[in-house]
N, C-alpha and C. Protein backbone atom coordinates (compact mmCIF):
# COMPACT_ATOMS: atom_id res chain seq x y z
N MET A 1 -9.69 -0.38 0.18
CA MET A 1 -10.72 0.48 0.51
C MET A 1 -10.67 0.91 1.97
N SER A 2 -10.79 2.25 2.18
CA SER A 2 -10.76 2.54 3.68
C SER A 2 -11.89 2.34 4.36
N LYS A 3 -12.06 2.38 5.65
CA LYS A 3 -13.10 2.20 6.27
C LYS A 3 -14.34 3.17 6.12
N PRO A 4 -14.19 4.44 6.06
CA PRO A 4 -15.36 5.34 5.54
C PRO A 4 -16.01 4.95 4.38
N GLU A 5 -15.12 4.70 3.14
CA GLU A 5 -15.38 4.35 1.99
C GLU A 5 -16.38 3.09 1.98
N SER A 6 -15.84 2.11 2.81
CA SER A 6 -16.61 0.72 2.65
C SER A 6 -17.95 1.05 3.38
N GLN A 7 -18.16 1.93 4.64
CA GLN A 7 -19.23 2.22 5.01
C GLN A 7 -20.21 2.94 4.07
N ALA A 8 -19.79 3.83 3.25
CA ALA A 8 -20.43 4.55 2.64
C ALA A 8 -20.98 3.76 1.44
N ALA A 9 -20.18 2.67 0.67
CA ALA A 9 -20.62 1.89 -0.12
C ALA A 9 -21.83 0.91 0.32
N ALA A 10 -21.53 0.51 1.84
CA ALA A 10 -22.83 -0.43 2.47
C ALA A 10 -24.07 0.38 2.67
N THR A 11 -23.75 1.75 2.85
CA THR A 11 -25.11 2.73 2.85
C THR A 11 -25.80 2.63 1.73
N GLU A 12 -24.88 2.84 0.46
CA GLU A 12 -25.49 2.98 -0.69
C GLU A 12 -26.21 1.48 -1.14
N VAL A 13 -25.64 0.53 -0.84
CA VAL A 13 -26.37 -0.72 -0.98
C VAL A 13 -27.74 -0.94 -0.32
N ARG A 14 -27.59 -0.63 0.98
CA ARG A 14 -28.73 -0.55 1.88
C ARG A 14 -29.73 0.31 1.31
N SER A 15 -29.37 1.59 0.99
CA SER A 15 -30.34 2.45 0.36
C SER A 15 -31.06 1.88 -0.94
N ALA A 16 -30.21 1.38 -1.66
CA ALA A 16 -30.87 1.07 -3.08
C ALA A 16 -31.78 -0.25 -2.54
N PHE A 17 -31.37 -1.03 -1.72
CA PHE A 17 -32.19 -2.26 -1.21
C PHE A 17 -33.51 -1.69 -0.85
N VAL A 18 -33.47 -0.70 0.17
CA VAL A 18 -34.70 -0.15 0.77
C VAL A 18 -35.60 0.34 -0.28
N GLU A 19 -34.99 1.16 -1.29
CA GLU A 19 -35.73 1.81 -2.30
C GLU A 19 -36.46 0.79 -3.20
N ARG A 20 -35.79 -0.29 -3.65
CA ARG A 20 -36.31 -1.25 -4.47
C ARG A 20 -37.62 -2.10 -3.55
N ARG A 21 -37.31 -2.26 -2.38
CA ARG A 21 -38.48 -2.72 -1.56
C ARG A 21 -39.77 -1.89 -1.47
N ARG A 22 -39.45 -0.52 -1.28
CA ARG A 22 -40.32 0.28 -1.23
C ARG A 22 -41.29 0.21 -2.60
N LEU A 23 -40.48 0.27 -3.71
CA LEU A 23 -41.21 0.20 -4.91
C LEU A 23 -41.96 -0.90 -5.16
N ARG A 24 -41.43 -2.14 -4.70
CA ARG A 24 -42.10 -3.41 -4.74
C ARG A 24 -43.37 -3.50 -4.02
N ARG A 25 -43.46 -2.90 -2.89
CA ARG A 25 -44.61 -2.89 -2.06
C ARG A 25 -45.64 -1.90 -2.71
N ILE A 26 -45.10 -0.81 -3.24
CA ILE A 26 -46.02 0.18 -3.98
C ILE A 26 -46.73 -0.72 -5.13
N ARG A 27 -45.88 -1.30 -5.87
CA ARG A 27 -46.51 -2.07 -7.02
C ARG A 27 -47.50 -3.09 -6.52
N MET A 28 -47.13 -3.84 -5.35
CA MET A 28 -48.15 -4.79 -4.87
C MET A 28 -49.34 -4.31 -4.36
N ILE A 29 -49.43 -3.10 -3.75
CA ILE A 29 -50.62 -2.32 -3.39
C ILE A 29 -51.40 -2.16 -4.56
N VAL A 30 -50.85 -1.56 -5.57
CA VAL A 30 -51.51 -1.11 -6.84
C VAL A 30 -52.18 -2.39 -7.42
N GLU A 31 -51.46 -3.47 -7.60
CA GLU A 31 -51.99 -4.61 -8.24
C GLU A 31 -53.02 -5.12 -7.58
N LEU A 32 -52.80 -5.43 -6.27
CA LEU A 32 -53.99 -5.96 -5.28
C LEU A 32 -54.99 -5.15 -5.55
N THR A 33 -55.11 -3.81 -5.40
CA THR A 33 -56.35 -2.90 -5.39
C THR A 33 -56.95 -3.10 -6.71
N HIS A 34 -56.11 -3.12 -7.85
CA HIS A 34 -56.43 -3.17 -9.09
C HIS A 34 -57.38 -4.55 -9.35
N ASN A 35 -56.64 -5.55 -8.90
CA ASN A 35 -57.36 -6.88 -9.22
C ASN A 35 -58.63 -7.06 -8.34
N LEU A 36 -58.64 -6.35 -7.19
CA LEU A 36 -59.76 -6.61 -6.40
C LEU A 36 -61.09 -5.79 -6.95
N ILE A 37 -60.89 -4.53 -7.61
CA ILE A 37 -61.80 -3.66 -8.05
C ILE A 37 -62.29 -4.05 -9.27
N SER A 38 -61.32 -4.68 -10.06
CA SER A 38 -61.84 -5.20 -11.31
C SER A 38 -62.19 -6.52 -11.59
N THR A 39 -62.20 -7.49 -10.58
CA THR A 39 -62.66 -8.87 -10.76
C THR A 39 -63.48 -9.24 -9.62
N ASP A 40 -63.55 -8.64 -8.42
CA ASP A 40 -64.57 -8.92 -7.35
C ASP A 40 -65.71 -8.54 -7.66
N ALA A 41 -66.91 -9.28 -8.01
CA ALA A 41 -68.25 -8.95 -8.28
C ALA A 41 -69.02 -8.39 -7.13
N THR A 42 -68.49 -8.64 -5.74
CA THR A 42 -69.38 -8.31 -4.68
C THR A 42 -68.85 -6.97 -4.20
N VAL A 43 -67.93 -6.28 -4.83
CA VAL A 43 -67.41 -5.04 -4.53
C VAL A 43 -68.36 -3.98 -4.98
N SER A 44 -68.77 -3.12 -4.31
CA SER A 44 -69.55 -1.96 -4.95
C SER A 44 -68.70 -0.88 -5.33
N HIS A 45 -69.39 0.08 -6.21
CA HIS A 45 -68.53 1.27 -6.64
C HIS A 45 -68.00 2.08 -5.25
N ARG A 46 -68.98 2.36 -4.35
CA ARG A 46 -68.52 3.07 -3.22
C ARG A 46 -67.06 2.36 -2.67
N GLU A 47 -67.33 1.04 -2.27
CA GLU A 47 -66.25 0.36 -1.78
C GLU A 47 -65.02 0.39 -2.64
N ALA A 48 -65.15 0.19 -4.07
CA ALA A 48 -63.89 0.52 -4.70
C ALA A 48 -63.32 1.72 -4.76
N ARG A 49 -64.08 2.69 -4.61
CA ARG A 49 -63.51 4.23 -4.48
C ARG A 49 -62.85 4.19 -2.98
N CYS A 50 -63.37 3.78 -2.09
CA CYS A 50 -62.83 3.68 -0.71
C CYS A 50 -61.35 2.85 -0.68
N LEU A 51 -61.42 1.61 -1.43
CA LEU A 51 -60.19 1.03 -1.65
C LEU A 51 -59.13 1.63 -2.44
N VAL A 52 -59.42 2.60 -3.48
CA VAL A 52 -58.45 3.29 -3.99
C VAL A 52 -57.98 4.21 -3.11
N LEU A 53 -58.72 5.10 -2.36
CA LEU A 53 -58.44 5.98 -1.65
C LEU A 53 -57.53 5.40 -0.47
N CYS A 54 -57.63 4.32 0.17
CA CYS A 54 -56.92 3.63 1.11
C CYS A 54 -55.53 3.31 0.41
N ALA A 55 -55.64 2.82 -0.72
CA ALA A 55 -54.24 2.33 -1.43
C ALA A 55 -53.49 3.54 -1.62
N ARG A 56 -54.14 4.72 -1.74
CA ARG A 56 -53.33 6.07 -2.16
C ARG A 56 -52.71 6.56 -0.68
N LYS A 57 -53.44 6.31 0.34
CA LYS A 57 -53.07 6.67 1.68
C LYS A 57 -51.86 5.70 2.22
N ALA A 58 -51.92 4.41 1.75
CA ALA A 58 -50.90 3.62 2.24
C ALA A 58 -49.58 3.77 1.40
N ILE A 59 -49.77 4.19 0.12
CA ILE A 59 -48.68 4.34 -0.80
C ILE A 59 -47.92 5.68 -0.26
N LEU A 60 -48.73 6.70 0.19
CA LEU A 60 -47.96 7.86 0.39
C LEU A 60 -47.45 7.89 1.97
N GLN A 61 -47.98 7.01 2.77
CA GLN A 61 -47.36 6.66 4.03
C GLN A 61 -45.93 6.09 3.81
N LEU A 62 -46.12 5.13 2.95
CA LEU A 62 -44.93 4.43 2.66
C LEU A 62 -43.79 5.26 1.87
N TYR A 63 -44.17 6.20 1.12
CA TYR A 63 -43.25 6.82 0.21
C TYR A 63 -43.80 8.42 0.05
N PRO A 64 -43.56 9.11 1.02
CA PRO A 64 -44.30 10.38 1.00
C PRO A 64 -43.97 11.40 -0.18
N GLY A 65 -42.98 11.17 -0.87
CA GLY A 65 -42.42 11.99 -2.03
C GLY A 65 -42.98 11.50 -3.27
N PHE A 66 -44.00 10.38 -3.26
CA PHE A 66 -44.49 9.78 -4.31
C PHE A 66 -45.92 10.40 -4.84
N GLU A 67 -46.26 11.52 -4.26
CA GLU A 67 -47.58 12.03 -4.42
C GLU A 67 -47.73 12.41 -6.00
N GLU A 68 -46.83 13.06 -6.55
CA GLU A 68 -46.78 13.65 -7.85
C GLU A 68 -47.04 12.53 -8.91
N ARG A 69 -46.08 11.35 -8.70
CA ARG A 69 -46.22 10.09 -9.57
C ARG A 69 -47.53 9.44 -9.35
N TYR A 70 -48.01 9.49 -8.04
CA TYR A 70 -49.13 8.98 -7.91
C TYR A 70 -50.36 9.60 -8.50
N GLU A 71 -50.57 10.82 -8.47
CA GLU A 71 -51.57 11.82 -9.19
C GLU A 71 -51.57 11.63 -10.88
N GLY A 72 -50.21 11.47 -11.33
CA GLY A 72 -49.88 11.39 -12.56
C GLY A 72 -50.08 10.12 -13.43
N VAL A 73 -49.67 9.10 -12.65
CA VAL A 73 -49.78 7.64 -13.17
C VAL A 73 -50.91 6.69 -12.70
N ILE A 74 -50.86 6.68 -11.26
CA ILE A 74 -51.65 5.62 -10.58
C ILE A 74 -53.09 5.91 -10.52
N ARG A 75 -53.26 7.36 -10.14
CA ARG A 75 -54.82 7.68 -10.00
C ARG A 75 -55.54 7.55 -11.31
N PRO A 76 -55.01 8.24 -12.36
CA PRO A 76 -55.63 7.87 -13.79
C PRO A 76 -55.90 6.43 -14.19
N HIS A 77 -54.95 5.50 -13.88
CA HIS A 77 -55.23 4.27 -14.14
C HIS A 77 -56.44 3.60 -13.21
N PHE A 78 -56.53 3.93 -11.87
CA PHE A 78 -57.58 3.54 -11.09
C PHE A 78 -58.88 4.25 -11.52
N GLU A 79 -58.87 5.57 -12.07
CA GLU A 79 -60.00 6.07 -12.65
C GLU A 79 -60.59 5.29 -13.83
N ARG A 80 -59.58 4.96 -14.82
CA ARG A 80 -59.98 4.03 -15.88
C ARG A 80 -60.66 2.76 -15.47
N VAL A 81 -60.22 2.21 -14.53
CA VAL A 81 -60.78 0.82 -14.20
C VAL A 81 -61.96 1.19 -13.67
N LEU A 82 -62.24 2.03 -12.72
CA LEU A 82 -63.50 2.28 -12.07
C LEU A 82 -64.46 2.72 -13.26
N ALA A 83 -64.37 3.49 -14.18
CA ALA A 83 -65.01 3.89 -15.14
C ALA A 83 -65.39 2.82 -16.21
N GLN A 84 -64.45 1.86 -16.31
CA GLN A 84 -64.97 0.61 -17.27
C GLN A 84 -65.83 -0.26 -16.41
N ARG A 85 -65.66 -0.57 -15.23
CA ARG A 85 -66.56 -1.23 -14.67
C ARG A 85 -67.98 -0.62 -14.13
N TRP A 86 -68.06 0.63 -13.60
CA TRP A 86 -69.13 1.49 -13.45
C TRP A 86 -69.12 2.69 -14.41
N PRO A 87 -69.72 2.42 -15.59
CA PRO A 87 -69.55 3.46 -16.47
C PRO A 87 -70.46 4.65 -16.22
N ASP A 88 -71.53 4.51 -15.36
CA ASP A 88 -72.73 5.58 -15.06
C ASP A 88 -72.31 6.24 -13.66
N GLU A 89 -71.26 5.84 -12.98
CA GLU A 89 -71.05 6.47 -11.80
C GLU A 89 -70.15 7.69 -11.87
N GLU A 90 -70.03 8.54 -10.93
CA GLU A 90 -69.10 9.54 -10.66
C GLU A 90 -67.71 9.09 -10.36
N PRO A 91 -66.84 10.09 -10.93
CA PRO A 91 -65.31 9.70 -10.52
C PRO A 91 -65.16 9.84 -9.01
N LEU A 92 -63.82 9.60 -8.87
CA LEU A 92 -63.29 9.58 -7.28
C LEU A 92 -63.62 10.99 -6.65
N ASN A 93 -64.10 10.83 -5.20
CA ASN A 93 -64.21 11.96 -4.48
C ASN A 93 -63.71 11.69 -3.20
N PRO A 94 -62.79 12.30 -2.65
CA PRO A 94 -62.13 11.91 -1.47
C PRO A 94 -62.97 12.13 -0.34
N THR A 95 -64.14 12.77 -0.21
CA THR A 95 -65.08 12.67 0.97
C THR A 95 -66.06 11.73 1.08
N ASP A 96 -65.99 10.77 0.00
CA ASP A 96 -66.93 9.67 -0.02
C ASP A 96 -66.52 8.59 1.09
N CYS A 97 -65.50 8.52 1.48
CA CYS A 97 -65.13 7.31 2.40
C CYS A 97 -64.74 7.80 3.85
N GLU A 98 -65.30 8.97 4.26
CA GLU A 98 -64.88 9.39 5.50
C GLU A 98 -65.63 8.65 6.66
N THR A 99 -66.94 8.16 6.28
CA THR A 99 -67.61 7.61 7.05
C THR A 99 -67.38 6.06 7.18
N ILE A 100 -66.77 5.53 6.46
CA ILE A 100 -66.29 4.16 6.16
C ILE A 100 -65.04 3.94 7.06
N ASN A 101 -63.89 4.84 6.86
CA ASN A 101 -62.49 4.63 7.21
C ASN A 101 -62.44 5.55 8.52
């Protein structure tokens, strides 16, 4: 294997490693947020919505190209969790947390 080929292979391995690490971090953010809003009895509905919006912000800072997948998969998941725990409350509204964060 020539030097440029070995450098390209090393770059691919590093790239795959970085990608897997990013996805693990995204999964961890989602799981922690989900567990907190679904199990912590002291969290209010407004705080839970703010946690979801903060999780979204962190995920998109970590992986800017993830917005479409976030909106298609993760946001509906969080909306279901919020609706199950607080069935009479309104859905997510991005302006709710401006004064907190």
